Every structure is written in C-alpha cells, then in structure tokens.
Amino acid sequence: MNLRDKISSFTTEIKELEDKASEISMEASALREERDKLIVKVIIDEKILADTSWDVSSYVGGVKLDYTKSYGETVFDVFEPIRNLSDKEIDFWMDISDGISLRFEDGEASLVFKEAKQVMPFIKKNKMKLTGATIVDRLAKMKREAAALESICHTFNL
C-alpha cells in the first residue's frame, strides 16, 4: 500500500469514526435530557426546594433568584441529592419548566425566570422563602447616586 492509499484509508476510517462519535453524542444528549427531566421530577416530588431561601438579584433578560446559604453551608449541603443524580457535574443547568431554569455554577445555585410573573407562583407552589436584600441595597445605592447627580445638575444649572 502506497502513501496515498494509506492516507485515503485513514481518511475513510476517520470519517466512519466521526460519524459514530456524532451518533453517540446525540444519544448521550438525549439520555442527558431524559435524566434531567427525571431529576426535575425528584426535585418537585421530594420538595427539595421547600424552606430554602432565595434572594432576588438583577439579571438581564428575566429575573434571577440566588440561593442564600447559611453560614458555613455550601450549595451542595442542601442540593446534594441533585448533585448525586447529575453525575456530580460541577456546573450544570436544567429546565424546571418552560421559562424556569435551575443553575449550578461556581458553587452557587440560582433560579432564572424568563418572566417576572413566573416568580411568585413558583415560590408559593414550592414553599420557598424569598428576600430582596440585594435589590434593596442596590436601590438605596442608586438613590444616593441619583441625589448626587441631581446636586451636580443644580450646581451647574443643567
């Protein structure tokens, strides 16, 4: 077999392996999606979100709730059942329902809602605790900054 024939043979073999890899990847993706649906069912059925505390934070494109940890607690102290079910992936997202995602990133948990009107029904249904400390702090800071800017405008008759 000459070099050109070897190259052609390798090219054919690579193509076949890449096709198989693509099929396997699609199968894995479908299984991951089914697994995530079952994890969501566990979260709801076992009431894992009940009595957890969440803080409203700013987020472009919707509303974001950040899990509020107790002193010395990690996100996975509470959400260990989810972590165990998800093959202990460090960072992952899953859709809980249409427009609502549960995210674990950098050791933090958050819920992201596409629309603000989804928040209260979800909070009530899952018996979660909601605070707005972060938003209240940011609002107070913005009010101080607005007052300072207003003072500058008056000083220079703008």
Protein backbone atom coordinates (compact mmCIF):
# COMPACT_ATOMS: atom_id res chain seq x y z
CA MET A 1 0.00 0.00 0.00
CA ASN A 2 1.50 3.31 -1.03
CA LEU A 3 1.28 6.55 0.96
CA ARG A 4 -1.69 7.92 -0.97
CA ASP A 5 -3.66 4.74 -0.39
CA LYS A 6 -2.81 4.87 3.33
CA ILE A 7 -3.96 8.49 3.51
CA SER A 8 -7.21 7.61 1.74
CA SER A 9 -7.73 4.63 4.07
CA PHE A 10 -7.12 6.79 7.16
CA THR A 11 -9.46 9.46 5.82
CA THR A 12 -12.23 6.90 5.31
CA GLU A 13 -11.65 5.42 8.77
CA ILE A 14 -11.65 8.88 10.40
CA LYS A 15 -14.92 9.73 8.65
CA GLU A 16 -16.53 6.49 9.87
CA LEU A 17 -15.34 7.11 13.46
CA GLU A 18 -16.53 10.73 13.37
CA ASP A 19 -19.97 9.56 12.18
CA LYS A 20 -20.13 7.04 15.04
CA ALA A 21 -19.00 9.71 17.51
CA SER A 22 -21.71 12.03 16.27
CA GLU A 23 -24.36 9.32 16.73
CA ILE A 24 -23.07 8.53 20.24
CA SER A 25 -23.04 12.22 21.13
CA MET A 26 -26.67 12.59 20.02
CA GLU A 27 -27.65 9.52 22.05
CA ALA A 28 -25.84 10.88 25.12
CA SER A 29 -27.56 14.23 24.69
CA ALA A 30 -30.98 12.57 24.52
CA LEU A 31 -30.22 10.49 27.62
CA ARG A 32 -28.98 13.59 29.46
CA GLU A 33 -32.24 15.38 28.60
CA GLU A 34 -34.31 12.45 29.89
CA ARG A 35 -32.18 12.26 33.05
CA ASP A 36 -32.70 15.99 33.68
CA LYS A 37 -36.47 15.58 33.36
CA LEU A 38 -36.36 12.85 35.99
CA ILE A 39 -34.17 15.00 38.26
CA VAL A 40 -36.72 17.81 38.00
CA LYS A 41 -39.43 15.32 38.97
CA VAL A 42 -37.36 14.32 42.02
CA ILE A 43 -36.87 18.00 42.96
CA ILE A 44 -40.61 18.60 42.82
CA ASP A 45 -41.79 15.27 44.30
CA GLU A 46 -39.29 15.31 47.19
CA LYS A 47 -39.84 19.04 47.78
CA ILE A 48 -36.11 19.76 47.76
CA LEU A 49 -36.74 23.49 47.23
CA ALA A 50 -39.15 23.75 50.18
CA ASP A 51 -37.95 26.03 53.01
CA THR A 52 -34.90 27.16 51.04
CA SER A 53 -34.11 30.88 50.98
CA TRP A 54 -33.56 32.84 47.78
CA ASP A 55 -32.56 36.44 47.14
CA VAL A 56 -33.78 38.41 44.13
CA SER A 57 -30.88 39.73 42.08
CA SER A 58 -30.59 41.72 38.90
CA TYR A 59 -30.40 39.80 35.68
CA VAL A 60 -30.64 40.85 32.06
CA GLY A 61 -33.44 39.05 30.29
CA GLY A 62 -35.59 38.00 33.24
CA VAL A 63 -35.48 37.52 36.99
CA LYS A 64 -32.77 35.67 38.86
CA LEU A 65 -33.01 34.25 42.36
CA ASP A 66 -29.77 33.33 44.11
CA TYR A 67 -29.77 30.63 46.75
CA THR A 68 -28.99 32.11 50.17
CA LYS A 69 -26.65 29.85 52.10
CA SER A 70 -26.44 29.70 55.87
CA TYR A 71 -23.07 30.40 57.47
CA GLY A 72 -20.63 27.59 56.74
CA GLU A 73 -23.01 25.88 54.35
CA THR A 74 -22.31 25.04 50.74
CA VAL A 75 -24.87 24.86 47.98
CA PHE A 76 -24.49 21.11 47.81
CA ASP A 77 -25.25 20.61 51.51
CA VAL A 78 -28.86 21.26 50.55
CA PHE A 79 -28.74 20.16 46.93
CA GLU A 80 -26.59 17.04 47.39
CA PRO A 81 -29.41 14.78 46.11
CA ILE A 82 -29.43 16.73 42.85
CA ARG A 83 -25.67 16.65 42.58
CA ASN A 84 -25.62 12.88 43.16
CA LEU A 85 -28.26 12.34 40.50
CA SER A 86 -26.48 14.52 37.96
CA ASP A 87 -23.25 12.52 37.98
CA LYS A 88 -21.63 15.17 40.23
CA GLU A 89 -21.11 17.62 37.39
CA ILE A 90 -19.81 20.86 38.87
CA ASP A 91 -21.62 23.33 36.65
CA PHE A 92 -24.92 22.49 35.00
CA TRP A 93 -28.28 23.95 34.10
CA MET A 94 -31.61 22.27 33.85
CA ASP A 95 -35.02 23.50 32.82
CA ILE A 96 -37.52 23.01 35.62
CA SER A 97 -40.41 24.13 33.48
CA ASP A 98 -40.99 26.38 30.50
CA GLY A 99 -39.01 29.55 31.12
CA ILE A 100 -37.59 28.48 34.51
CA SER A 101 -34.06 27.12 34.88
CA LEU A 102 -32.12 25.82 37.87
CA ARG A 103 -28.43 26.57 37.54
CA PHE A 104 -25.39 25.43 39.46
CA GLU A 105 -22.32 27.47 38.59
CA ASP A 106 -19.10 28.13 40.51
CA GLY A 107 -20.50 26.62 43.71
CA GLU A 108 -23.64 28.78 43.59
CA ALA A 109 -27.25 27.87 42.85
CA SER A 110 -29.74 30.12 41.12
CA LEU A 111 -33.17 30.01 39.58
CA VAL A 112 -33.67 32.01 36.40
CA PHE A 113 -37.11 33.04 35.21
CA LYS A 114 -37.77 34.41 31.72
CA GLU A 115 -40.72 36.45 33.01
CA ALA A 116 -41.25 38.16 36.37
CA LYS A 117 -44.82 36.87 36.56
CA GLN A 118 -43.48 33.31 36.91
CA VAL A 119 -41.66 34.01 40.18
CA MET A 120 -44.44 34.27 42.76
CA PRO A 121 -46.47 31.23 41.64
CA PHE A 122 -43.28 29.14 41.60
CA ILE A 123 -42.18 30.41 45.04
CA LYS A 124 -45.61 29.72 46.56
CA LYS A 125 -46.02 26.31 44.91
CA ASN A 126 -42.61 25.16 46.18
CA LYS A 127 -42.91 26.83 49.62
CA MET A 128 -39.66 28.74 49.21
CA LYS A 129 -38.52 31.82 51.12
CA LEU A 130 -37.79 34.97 49.14
CA THR A 131 -35.80 38.04 50.15
CA GLY A 132 -34.85 41.18 48.29
CA ALA A 133 -31.83 42.32 50.29
CA THR A 134 -29.57 42.61 47.24
CA ILE A 135 -32.13 44.60 45.25
CA VAL A 136 -32.91 46.85 48.26
CA ASP A 137 -29.18 47.57 48.72
CA ARG A 138 -28.72 48.35 45.03
CA LEU A 139 -31.81 50.56 45.00
CA ALA A 140 -30.51 52.53 48.02
CA LYS A 141 -27.14 52.98 46.29
CA MET A 142 -28.84 54.14 43.08
CA LYS A 143 -30.92 56.66 45.05
CA ARG A 144 -27.74 58.07 46.64
CA GLU A 145 -26.08 58.30 43.24
CA ALA A 146 -29.16 59.96 41.72
CA ALA A 147 -29.21 62.54 44.55
CA ALA A 148 -25.52 63.29 43.97
CA LEU A 149 -26.09 63.69 40.22
CA GLU A 150 -29.12 65.91 40.87
CA SER A 151 -26.98 68.11 43.12
CA ILE A 152 -24.37 68.46 40.37
CA CYS A 153 -27.08 69.37 37.85
CA HIS A 154 -28.45 72.08 40.17
CA THR A 155 -24.97 73.42 40.86
CA PHE A 156 -24.29 73.91 37.17
CA ASN A 157 -27.88 74.81 36.18
CA LEU A 158 -28.19 71.83 33.87
